[in-house]
Amino acid sequence: MADDTAAALEKTDAYADLREHYAQGIELTDEEVDTIADVAVGYLRNVLGFFGETSVTIDEYEGDDGELILDVTGGDLAVLIGRHGRTLDSLQMVVSSLMSSTLRFHYPVVVDVEGYKNRRKEKLRGIALSAAARAKRQHSKVSLPPMNAYERRLVHLALVDDEAVTTHSEGEEPSRHVVVTALRA
């Protein structure tokens, strides 16, 4: 019992150091990031167990924006993605909430299943570029279908360097969508 208490105190101290470093903007060491990854993978494995997925592989790597990406492969994982990725978004929210509760700070964690989010990101980029081309060709506005906040952000980012169009979001959730507008030359 004393060993468990000592281990818990040691982890609490490790998380306190992580919190302090992260809050001060100090770059986390590989060891600190590994600690965060271990916690995230542990929670993800536990949640996946509720879906009966106990023999999956979870690859962990750093994303372009410094986030921890956990990519789940193996098994019958279509149910984890859900329609338009909604189940996957919920899974990510659960894991992120558990992480924030344990670490007592928010560290960005992205949960992906067999590269779905990366494929979706590329598809959204294509949709954004196509909408921009159509808006420029027609000298008008093009409204895209409703998207969640993350997907709308990806569309905005895909077109941020295109000086011939502007983007903004309209509507109320869950029908909020991006509008791409051609600028007059």
N, C-alpha and C. Protein backbone atom coordinates (compact mmCIF):
# COMPACT_ATOMS: atom_id res chain seq x y z
N MET A 1 0.83 -1.19 0.00
CA MET A 1 0.00 0.00 0.00
C MET A 1 0.87 1.25 0.00
N ALA A 2 1.95 1.24 0.80
CA ALA A 2 2.84 2.41 0.86
C ALA A 2 3.52 2.63 -0.49
N ASP A 3 3.82 1.52 -1.20
CA ASP A 3 4.44 1.64 -2.52
C ASP A 3 3.49 2.32 -3.50
N ASP A 4 2.18 1.98 -3.43
CA ASP A 4 1.19 2.62 -4.30
C ASP A 4 1.09 4.11 -4.02
N THR A 5 1.11 4.48 -2.75
CA THR A 5 1.03 5.89 -2.37
C THR A 5 2.26 6.64 -2.85
N ALA A 6 3.42 6.04 -2.69
CA ALA A 6 4.67 6.67 -3.15
C ALA A 6 4.65 6.84 -4.66
N ALA A 7 4.17 5.81 -5.37
CA ALA A 7 4.10 5.90 -6.83
C ALA A 7 3.11 6.99 -7.25
N ALA A 8 1.98 7.10 -6.55
CA ALA A 8 1.00 8.13 -6.86
C ALA A 8 1.59 9.52 -6.62
N LEU A 9 2.29 9.69 -5.52
CA LEU A 9 2.92 10.99 -5.23
C LEU A 9 3.98 11.32 -6.27
N GLU A 10 4.75 10.31 -6.67
CA GLU A 10 5.77 10.53 -7.69
C GLU A 10 5.13 10.98 -9.00
N LYS A 11 4.01 10.33 -9.40
CA LYS A 11 3.32 10.72 -10.62
C LYS A 11 2.76 12.13 -10.50
N THR A 12 2.18 12.45 -9.33
CA THR A 12 1.63 13.78 -9.10
C THR A 12 2.73 14.82 -9.28
N ASP A 13 3.91 14.56 -8.72
CA ASP A 13 5.04 15.49 -8.86
C ASP A 13 5.45 15.60 -10.33
N ALA A 14 5.46 14.47 -11.06
CA ALA A 14 5.83 14.50 -12.49
C ALA A 14 4.82 15.34 -13.26
N TYR A 15 3.55 15.19 -12.95
CA TYR A 15 2.54 15.96 -13.63
C TYR A 15 2.64 17.44 -13.26
N ALA A 16 3.03 17.72 -12.00
CA ALA A 16 3.20 19.12 -11.58
C ALA A 16 4.32 19.77 -12.40
N ASP A 17 5.41 19.04 -12.60
CA ASP A 17 6.51 19.56 -13.42
C ASP A 17 6.05 19.78 -14.86
N LEU A 18 5.29 18.81 -15.38
CA LEU A 18 4.76 18.95 -16.73
C LEU A 18 3.88 20.19 -16.84
N ARG A 19 2.97 20.35 -15.86
CA ARG A 19 2.09 21.52 -15.85
C ARG A 19 2.89 22.81 -15.85
N GLU A 20 3.89 22.86 -14.98
CA GLU A 20 4.70 24.07 -14.85
C GLU A 20 5.47 24.36 -16.14
N HIS A 21 6.10 23.35 -16.70
CA HIS A 21 6.86 23.54 -17.95
C HIS A 21 5.94 23.98 -19.08
N TYR A 22 4.80 23.32 -19.20
CA TYR A 22 3.86 23.63 -20.28
C TYR A 22 3.30 25.04 -20.13
N ALA A 23 2.94 25.41 -18.89
CA ALA A 23 2.37 26.73 -18.63
C ALA A 23 3.39 27.84 -18.92
N GLN A 24 4.66 27.57 -18.68
CA GLN A 24 5.71 28.57 -18.90
C GLN A 24 6.20 28.58 -20.35
N GLY A 25 5.68 27.68 -21.16
CA GLY A 25 6.09 27.64 -22.56
C GLY A 25 7.45 26.98 -22.75
N ILE A 26 7.92 26.28 -21.73
CA ILE A 26 9.19 25.56 -21.84
C ILE A 26 8.95 24.31 -22.67
N GLU A 27 9.81 24.08 -23.65
CA GLU A 27 9.66 22.89 -24.48
C GLU A 27 9.80 21.64 -23.62
N LEU A 28 8.83 20.75 -23.74
CA LEU A 28 8.86 19.52 -22.96
C LEU A 28 9.94 18.59 -23.48
N THR A 29 10.57 17.89 -22.56
CA THR A 29 11.59 16.93 -22.95
C THR A 29 10.92 15.71 -23.58
N ASP A 30 11.71 14.89 -24.26
CA ASP A 30 11.18 13.66 -24.85
C ASP A 30 10.57 12.78 -23.76
N GLU A 31 11.22 12.76 -22.60
CA GLU A 31 10.73 11.95 -21.49
C GLU A 31 9.36 12.46 -21.00
N GLU A 32 9.18 13.78 -20.95
CA GLU A 32 7.90 14.35 -20.51
C GLU A 32 6.80 14.07 -21.53
N VAL A 33 7.13 14.19 -22.81
CA VAL A 33 6.15 13.89 -23.86
C VAL A 33 5.80 12.40 -23.82
N ASP A 34 6.79 11.55 -23.56
CA ASP A 34 6.53 10.11 -23.43
C ASP A 34 5.57 9.83 -22.27
N THR A 35 5.72 10.56 -21.18
CA THR A 35 4.82 10.40 -20.03
C THR A 35 3.39 10.75 -20.44
N ILE A 36 3.24 11.86 -21.14
CA ILE A 36 1.91 12.27 -21.61
C ILE A 36 1.35 11.22 -22.57
N ALA A 37 2.19 10.74 -23.49
CA ALA A 37 1.75 9.73 -24.45
C ALA A 37 1.33 8.44 -23.75
N ASP A 38 2.08 8.05 -22.73
CA ASP A 38 1.72 6.82 -21.99
C ASP A 38 0.35 6.96 -21.33
N VAL A 39 0.08 8.11 -20.75
CA VAL A 39 -1.22 8.35 -20.13
C VAL A 39 -2.31 8.30 -21.19
N ALA A 40 -2.10 8.98 -22.31
CA ALA A 40 -3.09 9.03 -23.38
C ALA A 40 -3.36 7.64 -23.96
N VAL A 41 -2.31 6.90 -24.24
CA VAL A 41 -2.46 5.55 -24.80
C VAL A 41 -3.20 4.65 -23.81
N GLY A 42 -2.88 4.78 -22.53
CA GLY A 42 -3.57 3.99 -21.50
C GLY A 42 -5.07 4.26 -21.49
N TYR A 43 -5.45 5.53 -21.50
CA TYR A 43 -6.86 5.87 -21.53
C TYR A 43 -7.52 5.39 -22.82
N LEU A 44 -6.85 5.58 -23.95
CA LEU A 44 -7.42 5.16 -25.22
C LEU A 44 -7.64 3.65 -25.25
N ARG A 45 -6.66 2.90 -24.76
CA ARG A 45 -6.81 1.43 -24.72
C ARG A 45 -7.99 1.03 -23.85
N ASN A 46 -8.16 1.70 -22.71
CA ASN A 46 -9.29 1.40 -21.82
C ASN A 46 -10.62 1.67 -22.51
N VAL A 47 -10.73 2.81 -23.18
CA VAL A 47 -11.97 3.15 -23.87
C VAL A 47 -12.23 2.17 -25.02
N LEU A 48 -11.18 1.84 -25.77
CA LEU A 48 -11.34 0.89 -26.87
C LEU A 48 -11.79 -0.48 -26.37
N GLY A 49 -11.39 -0.83 -25.17
CA GLY A 49 -11.82 -2.09 -24.56
C GLY A 49 -13.34 -2.18 -24.44
N PHE A 50 -14.00 -1.04 -24.22
CA PHE A 50 -15.47 -1.04 -24.15
C PHE A 50 -16.10 -1.37 -25.50
N PHE A 51 -15.36 -1.16 -26.58
CA PHE A 51 -15.83 -1.51 -27.93
C PHE A 51 -15.38 -2.91 -28.32
N GLY A 52 -14.71 -3.61 -27.41
CA GLY A 52 -14.23 -4.95 -27.69
C GLY A 52 -12.95 -4.98 -28.51
N GLU A 53 -12.32 -3.83 -28.66
CA GLU A 53 -11.08 -3.74 -29.45
C GLU A 53 -9.89 -3.80 -28.49
N THR A 54 -9.37 -5.00 -28.28
CA THR A 54 -8.27 -5.19 -27.33
C THR A 54 -6.94 -5.52 -28.00
N SER A 55 -6.97 -5.80 -29.31
CA SER A 55 -5.73 -6.19 -29.98
C SER A 55 -5.33 -5.20 -31.08
N VAL A 56 -5.65 -3.93 -30.87
CA VAL A 56 -5.31 -2.91 -31.86
C VAL A 56 -3.89 -2.40 -31.61
N THR A 57 -3.35 -1.75 -32.64
CA THR A 57 -2.05 -1.09 -32.52
C THR A 57 -2.31 0.41 -32.45
N ILE A 58 -1.61 1.09 -31.55
CA ILE A 58 -1.73 2.54 -31.44
C ILE A 58 -0.37 3.14 -31.71
N ASP A 59 -0.26 3.81 -32.86
CA ASP A 59 0.98 4.51 -33.20
C ASP A 59 0.87 5.93 -32.66
N GLU A 60 1.93 6.42 -32.08
CA GLU A 60 1.94 7.77 -31.54
C GLU A 60 3.03 8.59 -32.22
N TYR A 61 2.69 9.80 -32.61
CA TYR A 61 3.66 10.69 -33.22
C TYR A 61 3.22 12.13 -33.04
N GLU A 62 4.14 13.05 -33.28
CA GLU A 62 3.86 14.47 -33.12
C GLU A 62 3.33 15.04 -34.43
N GLY A 63 2.26 15.83 -34.33
CA GLY A 63 1.65 16.46 -35.49
C GLY A 63 2.36 17.75 -35.86
N ASP A 64 1.90 18.37 -36.93
CA ASP A 64 2.49 19.60 -37.44
C ASP A 64 2.41 20.75 -36.45
N ASP A 65 1.38 20.76 -35.61
CA ASP A 65 1.19 21.85 -34.65
C ASP A 65 1.61 21.47 -33.24
N GLY A 66 2.42 20.43 -33.10
CA GLY A 66 2.92 20.02 -31.79
C GLY A 66 1.97 19.13 -31.01
N GLU A 67 0.86 18.75 -31.60
CA GLU A 67 -0.10 17.90 -30.91
C GLU A 67 0.37 16.45 -30.93
N LEU A 68 -0.11 15.68 -29.97
CA LEU A 68 0.18 14.25 -29.92
C LEU A 68 -0.91 13.55 -30.72
N ILE A 69 -0.51 12.80 -31.73
CA ILE A 69 -1.46 12.08 -32.57
C ILE A 69 -1.37 10.59 -32.22
N LEU A 70 -2.53 10.01 -31.92
CA LEU A 70 -2.63 8.59 -31.64
C LEU A 70 -3.45 7.97 -32.76
N ASP A 71 -2.81 7.16 -33.59
CA ASP A 71 -3.48 6.54 -34.74
C ASP A 71 -3.71 5.06 -34.44
N VAL A 72 -4.98 4.68 -34.38
CA VAL A 72 -5.37 3.31 -34.04
C VAL A 72 -5.51 2.51 -35.34
N THR A 73 -4.89 1.33 -35.39
CA THR A 73 -5.00 0.46 -36.56
C THR A 73 -5.28 -0.97 -36.10
N GLY A 74 -5.83 -1.76 -37.02
CA GLY A 74 -6.14 -3.16 -36.73
C GLY A 74 -7.57 -3.32 -36.25
N GLY A 75 -8.07 -4.51 -36.34
CA GLY A 75 -9.42 -4.77 -35.87
C GLY A 75 -10.48 -4.23 -36.81
N ASP A 76 -11.73 -4.29 -36.36
CA ASP A 76 -12.87 -3.78 -37.14
C ASP A 76 -13.20 -2.40 -36.58
N LEU A 77 -12.58 -1.38 -37.15
CA LEU A 77 -12.62 -0.05 -36.54
C LEU A 77 -13.59 0.94 -37.18
N ALA A 78 -14.34 0.53 -38.18
CA ALA A 78 -15.27 1.45 -38.83
C ALA A 78 -16.27 2.03 -37.83
N VAL A 79 -16.68 1.23 -36.86
CA VAL A 79 -17.64 1.70 -35.87
C VAL A 79 -17.04 2.86 -35.05
N LEU A 80 -15.73 2.89 -34.90
CA LEU A 80 -15.08 3.96 -34.14
C LEU A 80 -15.05 5.28 -34.90
N ILE A 81 -15.14 5.22 -36.21
CA ILE A 81 -15.14 6.45 -37.01
C ILE A 81 -16.55 7.04 -37.00
N GLY A 82 -17.53 6.22 -37.26
CA GLY A 82 -18.91 6.69 -37.27
C GLY A 82 -19.21 7.52 -38.51
N ARG A 83 -20.44 7.98 -38.60
CA ARG A 83 -20.86 8.76 -39.76
C ARG A 83 -20.20 10.13 -39.73
N HIS A 84 -19.52 10.45 -40.81
CA HIS A 84 -18.79 11.71 -40.96
C HIS A 84 -17.78 11.94 -39.83
N GLY A 85 -17.31 10.86 -39.21
CA GLY A 85 -16.28 10.99 -38.18
C GLY A 85 -16.79 11.44 -36.83
N ARG A 86 -18.11 11.44 -36.63
CA ARG A 86 -18.66 11.95 -35.37
C ARG A 86 -18.29 11.09 -34.17
N THR A 87 -18.30 9.77 -34.33
CA THR A 87 -17.92 8.90 -33.22
C THR A 87 -16.45 9.11 -32.88
N LEU A 88 -15.63 9.27 -33.90
CA LEU A 88 -14.21 9.52 -33.69
C LEU A 88 -13.99 10.85 -32.96
N ASP A 89 -14.74 11.88 -33.33
CA ASP A 89 -14.66 13.16 -32.62
C ASP A 89 -15.03 13.00 -31.15
N SER A 90 -16.07 12.21 -30.89
CA SER A 90 -16.48 11.97 -29.50
C SER A 90 -15.43 11.19 -28.74
N LEU A 91 -14.83 10.20 -29.38
CA LEU A 91 -13.76 9.42 -28.76
C LEU A 91 -12.60 10.33 -28.40
N GLN A 92 -12.25 11.23 -29.30
CA GLN A 92 -11.16 12.17 -29.03
C GLN A 92 -11.52 13.07 -27.84
N MET A 93 -12.77 13.52 -27.78
CA MET A 93 -13.20 14.38 -26.69
C MET A 93 -13.09 13.66 -25.35
N VAL A 94 -13.49 12.40 -25.31
CA VAL A 94 -13.41 11.62 -24.08
C VAL A 94 -11.96 11.48 -23.63
N VAL A 95 -11.09 11.09 -24.55
CA VAL A 95 -9.67 10.92 -24.21
C VAL A 95 -9.06 12.25 -23.77
N SER A 96 -9.37 13.33 -24.48
CA SER A 96 -8.83 14.65 -24.11
C SER A 96 -9.33 15.07 -22.73
N SER A 97 -10.59 14.81 -22.43
CA SER A 97 -11.14 15.16 -21.12
C SER A 97 -10.47 14.37 -20.00
N LEU A 98 -10.28 13.07 -20.24
CA LEU A 98 -9.60 12.25 -19.24
C LEU A 98 -8.16 12.74 -19.03
N MET A 99 -7.51 13.08 -20.12
CA MET A 99 -6.12 13.58 -20.03
C MET A 99 -6.07 14.88 -19.23
N SER A 100 -6.94 15.82 -19.56
CA SER A 100 -6.95 17.11 -18.87
C SER A 100 -7.24 16.93 -17.39
N SER A 101 -8.13 16.02 -17.07
CA SER A 101 -8.47 15.76 -15.67
C SER A 101 -7.28 15.17 -14.91
N THR A 102 -6.57 14.27 -15.55
CA THR A 102 -5.42 13.63 -14.90
C THR A 102 -4.23 14.57 -14.78
N LEU A 103 -3.89 15.23 -15.90
CA LEU A 103 -2.71 16.09 -15.92
C LEU A 103 -2.98 17.46 -15.31
N ARG A 104 -4.23 17.85 -15.27
CA ARG A 104 -4.69 19.17 -14.81
C ARG A 104 -4.19 20.30 -15.69
N PHE A 105 -4.02 20.02 -16.95
CA PHE A 105 -3.79 21.02 -17.98
C PHE A 105 -4.14 20.36 -19.31
N HIS A 106 -4.44 21.20 -20.31
CA HIS A 106 -4.84 20.66 -21.62
C HIS A 106 -3.62 20.52 -22.51
N TYR A 107 -3.35 19.29 -22.88
CA TYR A 107 -2.29 19.01 -23.86
C TYR A 107 -3.02 18.49 -25.10
N PRO A 108 -2.74 19.07 -26.27
CA PRO A 108 -3.51 18.67 -27.46
C PRO A 108 -3.22 17.23 -27.89
N VAL A 109 -4.29 16.44 -27.90
CA VAL A 109 -4.21 15.04 -28.31
C VAL A 109 -5.23 14.82 -29.42
N VAL A 110 -4.78 14.23 -30.52
CA VAL A 110 -5.67 13.90 -31.64
C VAL A 110 -5.75 12.38 -31.73
N VAL A 111 -6.98 11.87 -31.70
CA VAL A 111 -7.19 10.44 -31.86
C VAL A 111 -7.65 10.22 -33.30
N ASP A 112 -6.96 9.32 -33.99
CA ASP A 112 -7.29 9.01 -35.37
C ASP A 112 -7.45 7.50 -35.50
N VAL A 113 -8.21 7.09 -36.49
CA VAL A 113 -8.40 5.66 -36.76
C VAL A 113 -8.00 5.39 -38.20
N GLU A 114 -6.95 4.61 -38.35
CA GLU A 114 -6.43 4.20 -39.66
C GLU A 114 -6.26 5.37 -40.62
N GLY A 115 -5.78 6.51 -40.09
CA GLY A 115 -5.48 7.67 -40.92
C GLY A 115 -6.70 8.41 -41.44
N TYR A 116 -7.89 8.15 -40.88
CA TYR A 116 -9.12 8.78 -41.36
C TYR A 116 -9.02 10.30 -41.36
N LYS A 117 -8.54 10.87 -40.26
CA LYS A 117 -8.51 12.33 -40.16
C LYS A 117 -7.56 12.94 -41.18
N ASN A 118 -6.45 12.28 -41.43
CA ASN A 118 -5.51 12.79 -42.44
C ASN A 118 -6.15 12.76 -43.83
N ARG A 119 -6.84 11.66 -44.15
CA ARG A 119 -7.54 11.57 -45.43
C ARG A 119 -8.64 12.63 -45.52
N ARG A 120 -9.37 12.83 -44.42
CA ARG A 120 -10.43 13.83 -44.40
C ARG A 120 -9.85 15.24 -44.55
N LYS A 121 -8.70 15.47 -43.93
CA LYS A 121 -8.04 16.78 -44.04
C LYS A 121 -7.69 17.08 -45.49
N GLU A 122 -7.14 16.10 -46.19
CA GLU A 122 -6.80 16.28 -47.61
C GLU A 122 -8.05 16.48 -48.45
N LYS A 123 -9.11 15.75 -48.14
CA LYS A 123 -10.36 15.91 -48.88
C LYS A 123 -10.93 17.32 -48.67
N LEU A 124 -10.90 17.81 -47.43
CA LEU A 124 -11.40 19.16 -47.15
C LEU A 124 -10.57 20.22 -47.86
N ARG A 125 -9.27 19.99 -47.94
CA ARG A 125 -8.41 20.92 -48.68
C ARG A 125 -8.84 20.96 -50.15
N GLY A 126 -9.11 19.81 -50.72
CA GLY A 126 -9.58 19.76 -52.10
C GLY A 126 -10.93 20.45 -52.28
N ILE A 127 -11.83 20.25 -51.34
CA ILE A 127 -13.14 20.91 -51.38
C ILE A 127 -12.96 22.42 -51.31
N ALA A 128 -12.07 22.87 -50.42
CA ALA A 128 -11.82 24.31 -50.26
C ALA A 128 -11.26 24.92 -51.53
N LEU A 129 -10.27 24.25 -52.12
CA LEU A 129 -9.65 24.77 -53.34
C LEU A 129 -10.65 24.78 -54.50
N SER A 130 -11.48 23.76 -54.59
CA SER A 130 -12.50 23.70 -55.63
C SER A 130 -13.53 24.81 -55.44
N ALA A 131 -13.96 25.04 -54.20
CA ALA A 131 -14.92 26.11 -53.92
C ALA A 131 -14.33 27.47 -54.25
N ALA A 132 -13.05 27.67 -53.96
CA ALA A 132 -12.38 28.94 -54.26
C ALA A 132 -12.32 29.15 -55.77
N ALA A 133 -11.99 28.10 -56.50
CA ALA A 133 -11.93 28.21 -57.96
C ALA A 133 -13.30 28.54 -58.54
N ARG A 134 -14.34 27.89 -58.01
CA ARG A 134 -15.70 28.16 -58.48
C ARG A 134 -16.13 29.59 -58.14
N ALA A 135 -15.82 30.04 -56.92
CA ALA A 135 -16.18 31.41 -56.51
C ALA A 135 -15.48 32.44 -57.41
N LYS A 136 -14.22 32.20 -57.73
CA LYS A 136 -13.48 33.13 -58.60
C LYS A 136 -14.03 33.10 -60.02
N ARG A 137 -14.34 31.91 -60.51
CA ARG A 137 -14.85 31.76 -61.87
C ARG A 137 -16.22 32.44 -62.02
N GLN A 138 -17.06 32.32 -60.99
CA GLN A 138 -18.42 32.87 -61.04
C GLN A 138 -18.51 34.27 -60.45
N HIS A 139 -17.39 34.76 -59.89
CA HIS A 139 -17.37 36.08 -59.21
C HIS A 139 -18.49 36.17 -58.19
N SER A 140 -18.56 35.14 -57.33
CA SER A 140 -19.67 35.09 -56.37
C SER A 140 -19.24 34.41 -55.07
N LYS A 141 -20.25 34.00 -54.31
CA LYS A 141 -20.04 33.26 -53.05
C LYS A 141 -20.35 31.79 -53.28
N VAL A 142 -19.63 30.94 -52.57
CA VAL A 142 -19.92 29.51 -52.60
C VAL A 142 -20.06 29.06 -51.15
N SER A 143 -21.22 28.48 -50.83
CA SER A 143 -21.46 27.96 -49.48
C SER A 143 -21.13 26.47 -49.46
N LEU A 144 -20.37 26.07 -48.49
CA LEU A 144 -20.02 24.66 -48.32
C LEU A 144 -21.03 23.99 -47.39
N PRO A 145 -21.07 22.67 -47.38
CA PRO A 145 -22.01 21.97 -46.48
C PRO A 145 -21.62 22.20 -45.01
N PRO A 146 -22.54 21.96 -44.09
CA PRO A 146 -22.23 22.12 -42.66
C PRO A 146 -21.04 21.25 -42.25
N MET A 147 -20.23 21.81 -41.37
CA MET A 147 -19.04 21.12 -40.87
C MET A 147 -18.86 21.45 -39.39
N ASN A 148 -18.13 20.60 -38.69
CA ASN A 148 -17.81 20.92 -37.30
C ASN A 148 -16.71 21.99 -37.28
N ALA A 149 -16.44 22.52 -36.11
CA ALA A 149 -15.49 23.63 -35.98
C ALA A 149 -14.10 23.28 -36.50
N TYR A 150 -13.64 22.08 -36.21
CA TYR A 150 -12.30 21.66 -36.66
C TYR A 150 -12.23 21.64 -38.19
N GLU A 151 -13.25 21.09 -38.84
CA GLU A 151 -13.24 21.02 -40.30
C GLU A 151 -13.36 22.40 -40.92
N ARG A 152 -14.18 23.27 -40.33
CA ARG A 152 -14.28 24.64 -40.84
C ARG A 152 -12.93 25.34 -40.74
N ARG A 153 -12.23 25.12 -39.64
CA ARG A 153 -10.90 25.71 -39.47
C ARG A 153 -9.95 25.24 -40.56
N LEU A 154 -10.01 23.96 -40.91
CA LEU A 154 -9.15 23.43 -41.96
C LEU A 154 -9.44 24.10 -43.31
N VAL A 155 -10.71 24.37 -43.58
CA VAL A 155 -11.08 25.05 -44.83
C VAL A 155 -10.52 26.47 -44.82
N HIS A 156 -10.72 27.19 -43.71
CA HIS A 156 -10.19 28.55 -43.61
C HIS A 156 -8.67 28.55 -43.82
N LEU A 157 -7.98 27.62 -43.18
CA LEU A 157 -6.52 27.55 -43.30
C LEU A 157 -6.08 27.20 -44.72
N ALA A 158 -6.84 26.36 -45.40
CA ALA A 158 -6.49 25.96 -46.77
C ALA A 158 -6.52 27.15 -47.72
N LEU A 159 -7.34 28.16 -47.40
CA LEU A 159 -7.51 29.30 -48.32
C LEU A 159 -6.91 30.60 -47.78
N VAL A 160 -6.24 30.54 -46.64
CA VAL A 160 -5.74 31.76 -46.01
C VAL A 160 -4.74 32.52 -46.90
N ASP A 161 -3.99 31.84 -47.73
CA ASP A 161 -2.98 32.49 -48.58
C ASP A 161 -3.52 32.88 -49.97
N ASP A 162 -4.77 32.54 -50.25
CA ASP A 162 -5.37 32.89 -51.54
C ASP A 162 -5.95 34.30 -51.44
N GLU A 163 -5.26 35.26 -52.01
CA GLU A 163 -5.68 36.66 -51.89
C GLU A 163 -6.89 37.01 -52.76
N ALA A 164 -7.34 36.08 -53.59
CA ALA A 164 -8.48 36.33 -54.47
C ALA A 164 -9.82 35.95 -53.82
N VAL A 165 -9.75 35.30 -52.64
CA VAL A 165 -10.99 34.92 -51.94
C VAL A 165 -10.86 35.23 -50.45
N THR A 166 -12.02 35.29 -49.82
CA THR A 166 -12.08 35.40 -48.37
C THR A 166 -13.05 34.34 -47.87
N THR A 167 -12.89 33.93 -46.62
CA THR A 167 -13.78 32.92 -46.05
C THR A 167 -14.34 33.42 -44.73
N HIS A 168 -15.53 32.97 -44.42
CA HIS A 168 -16.11 33.20 -43.10
C HIS A 168 -17.15 32.11 -42.85
N SER A 169 -17.50 31.94 -41.59
CA SER A 169 -18.50 30.93 -41.22
C SER A 169 -19.83 31.61 -40.96
N GLU A 170 -20.90 30.91 -41.31
CA GLU A 170 -22.26 31.40 -41.11
C GLU A 170 -23.11 30.30 -40.50
N GLY A 171 -24.22 30.71 -39.90
CA GLY A 171 -25.19 29.75 -39.39
C GLY A 171 -24.95 29.38 -37.94
N GLU A 172 -25.85 28.57 -37.45
CA GLU A 172 -25.80 28.08 -36.08
C GLU A 172 -25.52 26.58 -36.10
N GLU A 173 -24.85 26.10 -35.06
CA GLU A 173 -24.59 24.66 -34.96
C GLU A 173 -25.91 23.92 -34.95
N PRO A 174 -26.06 22.81 -35.54
CA PRO A 174 -25.08 22.01 -36.27
C PRO A 174 -25.02 22.34 -37.76
N SER A 175 -25.67 23.43 -38.16
CA SER A 175 -25.70 23.79 -39.59
C SER A 175 -24.68 24.86 -39.95
N ARG A 176 -23.74 25.12 -39.08
CA ARG A 176 -22.73 26.15 -39.35
C ARG A 176 -21.85 25.69 -40.51
N HIS A 177 -21.57 26.60 -41.43
CA HIS A 177 -20.83 26.24 -42.64
C HIS A 177 -19.91 27.39 -43.07
N VAL A 178 -18.99 27.08 -43.97
CA VAL A 178 -18.05 28.07 -44.50
C VAL A 178 -18.60 28.64 -45.79
N VAL A 179 -18.42 29.94 -45.96
CA VAL A 179 -18.76 30.62 -47.19
C VAL A 179 -17.47 31.17 -47.80
N VAL A 180 -17.20 30.81 -49.03
CA VAL A 180 -16.02 31.29 -49.76
C VAL A 180 -16.48 32.36 -50.72
N THR A 181 -15.90 33.56 -50.61
CA THR A 181 -16.34 34.69 -51.42
C THR A 181 -15.18 35.20 -52.28
N ALA A 182 -15.46 35.37 -53.57
CA ALA A 182 -14.45 35.93 -54.48
C ALA A 182 -14.34 37.42 -54.22
N LEU A 183 -13.10 37.92 -54.18
CA LEU A 183 -12.87 39.35 -54.02
C LEU A 183 -12.78 39.99 -55.38
N ARG A 184 -13.24 41.20 -55.49
CA ARG A 184 -13.18 41.93 -56.76
C ARG A 184 -11.73 42.30 -57.05
N ALA A 185 -11.33 42.09 -58.29
CA ALA A 185 -9.94 42.37 -58.69
C ALA A 185 -9.77 43.82 -59.07
